[in-house]
Protein backbone atom coordinates (compact mmCIF):
# COMPACT_ATOMS: atom_id res chain seq x y z
CA MET A 1 53.69 -46.58 -4.23
CA GLU A 2 57.32 -45.30 -3.84
CA GLU A 3 57.50 -45.16 -7.52
CA LYS A 4 54.54 -42.68 -7.50
CA ALA A 5 56.32 -40.77 -4.71
CA VAL A 6 59.05 -40.11 -6.29
CA ASP A 7 57.04 -39.54 -9.83
CA VAL A 8 55.44 -36.51 -7.42
CA VAL A 9 58.71 -35.10 -6.07
CA ASP A 10 60.13 -35.29 -9.82
CA LEU A 11 56.53 -33.07 -10.96
CA GLY A 12 57.25 -30.91 -8.31
CA GLY A 13 60.26 -29.80 -7.56
CA SER A 14 61.60 -28.05 -4.32
CA ILE A 15 59.10 -26.43 -2.03
CA PRO A 16 58.79 -23.05 -2.84
CA ASP A 17 58.91 -20.63 0.12
CA PHE A 18 54.92 -19.04 0.67
CA SER A 19 55.54 -17.35 3.55
CA LEU A 20 54.49 -13.58 3.28
CA TRP A 21 57.88 -12.14 3.18
CA SER A 22 58.94 -14.48 0.77
CA MET A 23 56.09 -13.36 -1.71
CA PHE A 24 56.41 -9.81 -0.99
CA ALA A 25 60.28 -10.23 -1.60
CA GLY A 26 60.52 -12.07 -4.75
CA ALA A 27 57.11 -10.15 -6.27
CA ASP A 28 58.54 -7.88 -8.94
CA PHE A 29 59.25 -3.89 -8.00
CA ILE A 30 56.13 -2.79 -9.44
CA VAL A 31 53.99 -5.67 -7.25
CA GLN A 32 56.03 -4.51 -4.10
CA PHE A 33 55.03 -0.59 -5.20
CA VAL A 34 51.39 -2.07 -5.28
CA MET A 35 51.28 -3.93 -2.06
CA ILE A 36 53.44 -1.45 0.08
CA LEU A 37 50.52 1.59 -1.12
CA LEU A 38 47.91 -0.84 -0.46
CA LEU A 39 49.70 -1.61 3.11
CA GLY A 40 49.74 2.37 4.07
CA ALA A 41 46.09 2.71 2.84
CA SER A 42 44.96 0.02 5.33
CA ILE A 43 47.42 1.10 8.25
CA TRP A 44 45.87 4.99 7.60
CA CYS A 45 42.02 3.62 6.70
CA TRP A 46 42.03 1.54 10.31
CA ALA A 47 44.07 4.79 12.21
CA ILE A 48 40.70 6.92 11.15
CA ILE A 49 38.01 4.64 11.62
CA PHE A 50 39.43 4.00 15.78
CA ASP A 51 39.27 7.97 15.94
CA LYS A 52 35.82 8.66 14.43
CA ILE A 53 34.56 5.76 16.53
CA LYS A 54 36.47 7.11 19.17
CA ARG A 55 35.40 10.79 18.55
CA GLY A 56 32.01 9.27 18.26
CA ARG A 57 31.71 7.83 21.07
CA LYS A 58 32.81 11.22 23.23
CA ILE A 59 30.73 13.73 21.49
CA THR A 60 27.55 11.46 22.22
CA GLU A 61 27.98 10.98 25.43
CA GLN A 62 29.10 15.33 26.02
CA ALA A 63 25.89 15.97 23.81
CA ASP A 64 23.46 13.74 26.33
CA GLN A 65 25.21 15.32 29.08
CA PHE A 66 24.64 19.23 28.11
CA ASP A 67 20.90 18.18 27.08
CA ALA A 68 20.35 17.50 30.84
CA GLU A 69 21.98 20.28 31.79
CA PHE A 70 19.68 22.52 28.64
CA TRP A 71 16.78 20.33 30.27
CA SER A 72 17.16 20.85 33.96
CA GLY A 73 15.00 24.12 33.64
CA ASN A 74 18.25 26.15 35.13
CA SER A 75 18.82 29.16 33.08
CA LEU A 76 20.17 29.56 29.62
CA GLU A 77 22.39 32.57 30.74
CA ASP A 78 23.57 30.60 33.34
CA LEU A 79 25.29 27.70 31.01
CA TYR A 80 26.20 30.05 28.10
CA GLU A 81 28.28 31.53 31.06
CA ARG A 82 30.00 28.05 31.85
CA VAL A 83 30.27 26.83 28.60
CA ARG A 84 30.54 29.72 26.58
CA LYS A 85 34.66 29.49 27.36
CA ASN A 86 35.17 26.29 25.89
CA PRO A 87 32.37 24.93 24.24
CA ASP A 88 34.39 21.38 22.80
CA HIS A 89 31.78 19.19 20.96
CA PRO A 90 29.18 20.54 17.99
CA ILE A 91 25.84 21.04 20.19
CA ALA A 92 28.09 23.03 23.09
CA MET A 93 29.31 25.20 19.90
CA LEU A 94 25.06 25.39 18.48
CA PHE A 95 24.29 26.64 21.77
CA VAL A 96 26.94 29.23 22.67
CA THR A 97 26.89 30.61 18.56
CA ALA A 98 23.11 31.58 18.85
CA MET A 99 23.26 32.96 22.29
CA ARG A 100 26.24 34.61 21.33
CA GLU A 101 24.02 36.30 18.07
CA TRP A 102 20.88 36.50 20.60
CA GLN A 103 22.61 38.94 22.92
CA ARG A 104 24.66 40.69 20.36
CA SER A 105 21.05 41.39 18.94
CA VAL A 106 18.88 42.16 22.26
CA SER A 107 21.52 43.69 24.78
CA GLY A 108 20.59 47.45 25.41
CA ARG A 109 17.43 47.67 23.14
CA PRO A 110 14.30 48.01 23.75
CA GLY A 111 12.14 45.01 22.94
CA SER A 112 10.34 47.48 20.25
CA LYS A 113 13.66 47.99 18.79
CA ILE A 114 14.94 44.12 18.15
CA ALA A 115 15.44 44.01 14.92
CA MET A 116 12.80 41.75 13.18
CA GLY A 117 14.88 39.64 11.11
CA LEU A 118 16.61 38.33 13.84
CA GLN A 119 15.17 35.21 13.75
CA ASP A 120 15.92 34.49 10.51
CA ARG A 121 19.62 35.39 11.35
CA LEU A 122 19.45 33.27 14.31
CA TYR A 123 18.63 30.49 12.08
CA ARG A 124 21.20 30.90 9.65
CA VAL A 125 23.73 31.31 12.00
CA MET A 126 22.66 27.53 13.70
CA ARG A 127 22.77 26.29 9.72
CA VAL A 128 26.00 28.06 9.17
CA THR A 129 26.90 25.99 12.78
CA VAL A 130 25.66 22.81 12.04
CA SER A 131 27.25 22.98 8.80
CA ARG A 132 30.92 23.06 9.80
CA GLU A 133 31.19 21.44 12.65
CA MET A 134 29.41 18.21 10.40
CA GLU A 135 32.42 19.64 7.91
CA GLY A 136 35.29 18.73 10.55
CA LEU A 137 33.57 15.64 11.97
CA GLU A 138 33.57 14.21 8.65
CA SER A 139 36.91 15.16 7.51
CA ASN A 140 38.88 12.40 6.04
CA LEU A 141 35.64 10.58 5.38
CA SER A 142 35.74 10.81 2.11
CA PHE A 143 39.53 8.75 1.72
CA LEU A 144 38.07 5.31 3.18
CA ALA A 145 35.08 5.64 0.69
CA THR A 146 38.09 6.18 -2.06
CA VAL A 147 40.12 3.27 -0.65
CA GLY A 148 37.11 1.14 -0.01
CA SER A 149 36.50 1.58 -4.29
CA THR A 150 40.05 1.49 -5.34
CA ALA A 151 41.57 -1.17 -3.19
CA PRO A 152 40.36 -4.16 -5.54
CA PHE A 153 41.35 -2.71 -8.33
CA ILE A 154 44.28 -1.62 -7.39
CA GLY A 155 45.30 -5.30 -5.81
CA LEU A 156 43.91 -6.87 -9.63
CA PHE A 157 46.12 -4.58 -10.98
CA GLY A 158 49.66 -5.69 -9.10
CA THR A 159 47.82 -9.56 -9.75
CA VAL A 160 47.66 -8.88 -13.54
CA TRP A 161 51.06 -7.82 -13.78
CA GLY A 162 52.65 -10.33 -11.53
CA ILE A 163 50.93 -12.74 -13.83
CA MET A 164 52.34 -11.69 -16.94
CA ASN A 165 55.36 -12.32 -15.15
CA SER A 166 55.12 -15.12 -14.24
CA PHE A 167 54.17 -16.35 -18.29
CA GLN A 168 57.05 -14.41 -18.99
CA SER A 169 59.30 -16.85 -17.03
CA ILE A 170 57.26 -19.38 -18.71
CA ALA A 171 58.52 -17.96 -21.76
CA VAL A 172 62.54 -17.71 -20.50
CA THR A 173 63.08 -21.05 -18.64
CA HIS A 174 60.79 -23.32 -21.45
CA ASP A 175 59.56 -24.32 -18.09
CA SER A 176 56.23 -24.50 -17.49
CA SER A 177 55.95 -26.93 -14.14
CA LEU A 178 54.35 -25.47 -10.80
CA ALA A 179 57.84 -24.96 -8.99
CA VAL A 180 58.39 -22.35 -11.46
CA VAL A 181 54.65 -20.86 -12.16
CA ALA A 182 53.04 -21.41 -8.81
CA PRO A 183 55.41 -18.53 -6.99
CA GLY A 184 54.49 -16.35 -9.27
CA ILE A 185 51.04 -16.71 -9.27
CA ALA A 186 51.05 -16.78 -5.56
CA GLU A 187 52.80 -13.27 -5.34
CA ALA A 188 50.32 -11.92 -7.66
CA LEU A 189 47.16 -13.22 -5.96
CA PHE A 190 48.19 -12.27 -2.96
CA ALA A 191 48.38 -7.82 -4.60
CA THR A 192 44.82 -8.37 -4.49
CA ALA A 193 44.03 -10.12 -1.08
CA MET A 194 45.94 -6.89 0.21
CA GLY A 195 43.26 -5.52 -1.57
CA LEU A 196 40.55 -6.48 -0.21
CA VAL A 197 41.94 -6.75 3.21
CA ALA A 198 42.48 -2.62 2.92
CA ALA A 199 38.63 -2.44 0.56
CA ILE A 200 36.64 -4.41 3.51
CA PRO A 201 37.12 -2.62 6.80
CA ALA A 202 36.87 0.14 4.69
CA VAL A 203 33.66 -0.08 3.08
CA VAL A 204 32.54 -1.50 6.10
CA ALA A 205 33.56 1.53 8.30
CA TYR A 206 32.50 4.43 6.32
CA ASN A 207 29.51 3.29 5.93
CA LYS A 208 28.83 2.39 9.63
CA ILE A 209 30.52 6.11 10.56
CA SER A 210 28.11 7.55 7.62
CA ASN A 211 25.14 6.01 9.62
CA ASP A 212 25.94 7.09 13.34
CA LEU A 213 27.34 10.92 11.89
CA GLY A 214 23.82 11.32 9.36
CA ARG A 215 21.83 10.67 13.54
CA TYR A 216 24.26 13.14 14.88
CA ALA A 217 23.64 16.04 12.41
CA ASN A 218 20.20 14.81 12.58
CA ARG A 219 20.48 15.21 16.77
CA LEU A 220 21.80 18.84 15.78
CA GLU A 221 19.15 20.30 13.73
CA SER A 222 16.32 19.32 16.05
CA PHE A 223 18.37 20.61 18.67
CA ALA A 224 18.75 23.70 16.37
CA ASP A 225 15.06 23.85 15.58
CA GLU A 226 13.88 23.16 19.45
CA PHE A 227 16.19 26.19 20.27
CA GLY A 228 15.39 28.68 18.11
CA THR A 229 11.32 28.00 18.65
CA ILE A 230 12.91 29.38 22.49
CA LEU A 231 14.03 31.78 21.20
CA SER A 232 11.55 32.86 19.31
CA ARG A 233 9.42 32.45 22.17
CA GLN A 234 11.53 34.61 24.10
CA LEU A 235 11.05 37.04 21.32
CA ASP A 236 7.33 37.19 21.18
CA GLU A 237 7.01 37.75 25.14
CA GLU A 238 9.80 40.86 25.00
CA HIS A 239 7.73 42.67 22.05
CA HIS A 240 4.67 42.00 23.96
């Protein structure tokens, strides 16, 4: 047993340090650059994820409160006066934009002189508003998709480069023991691990946030249709 233990020590040599910092510090410059790039991408992804989740919860709560006010039966003009100065969420902005166009078109005109294209203009204004608001909500979301699709390959590049350096070390030292090969391989694989750590949350978050924003976009479009119907009905009543 003692002879076997001595053989193991002789074959393995000194035990390499596989702590995260040691693997980073001992890596080649290119591999270090890849690690720093992936770390920065991961941090930025998490910042986007937390911001989108927080923003999504807030606009959903605001939309629920606005729906309750909108369908309460109170005057739409009163609601417009309350929210027109500070429409701080997409549905409120959609409502204010449509009401502003409505009042601009009908103010001071008899019903018979209201432009027949008012309904089309209202729908057009609301579609533009929905598009603009969703564009704001979806900002930076493409970064998550980019990181999710490219980070594994960036990490793989670092791995390939690190393994190439390990083989060069073997060629220079003429020593293929684990003490020589293991640190370089570990550093190389660490780059792949960082790529996966950056990519997996980005992909999961992108899918989740995209689905949530898709549902919210449908909610905006439904509100636009319902509000457009209300204004159209009011327009017909004024004509008659």
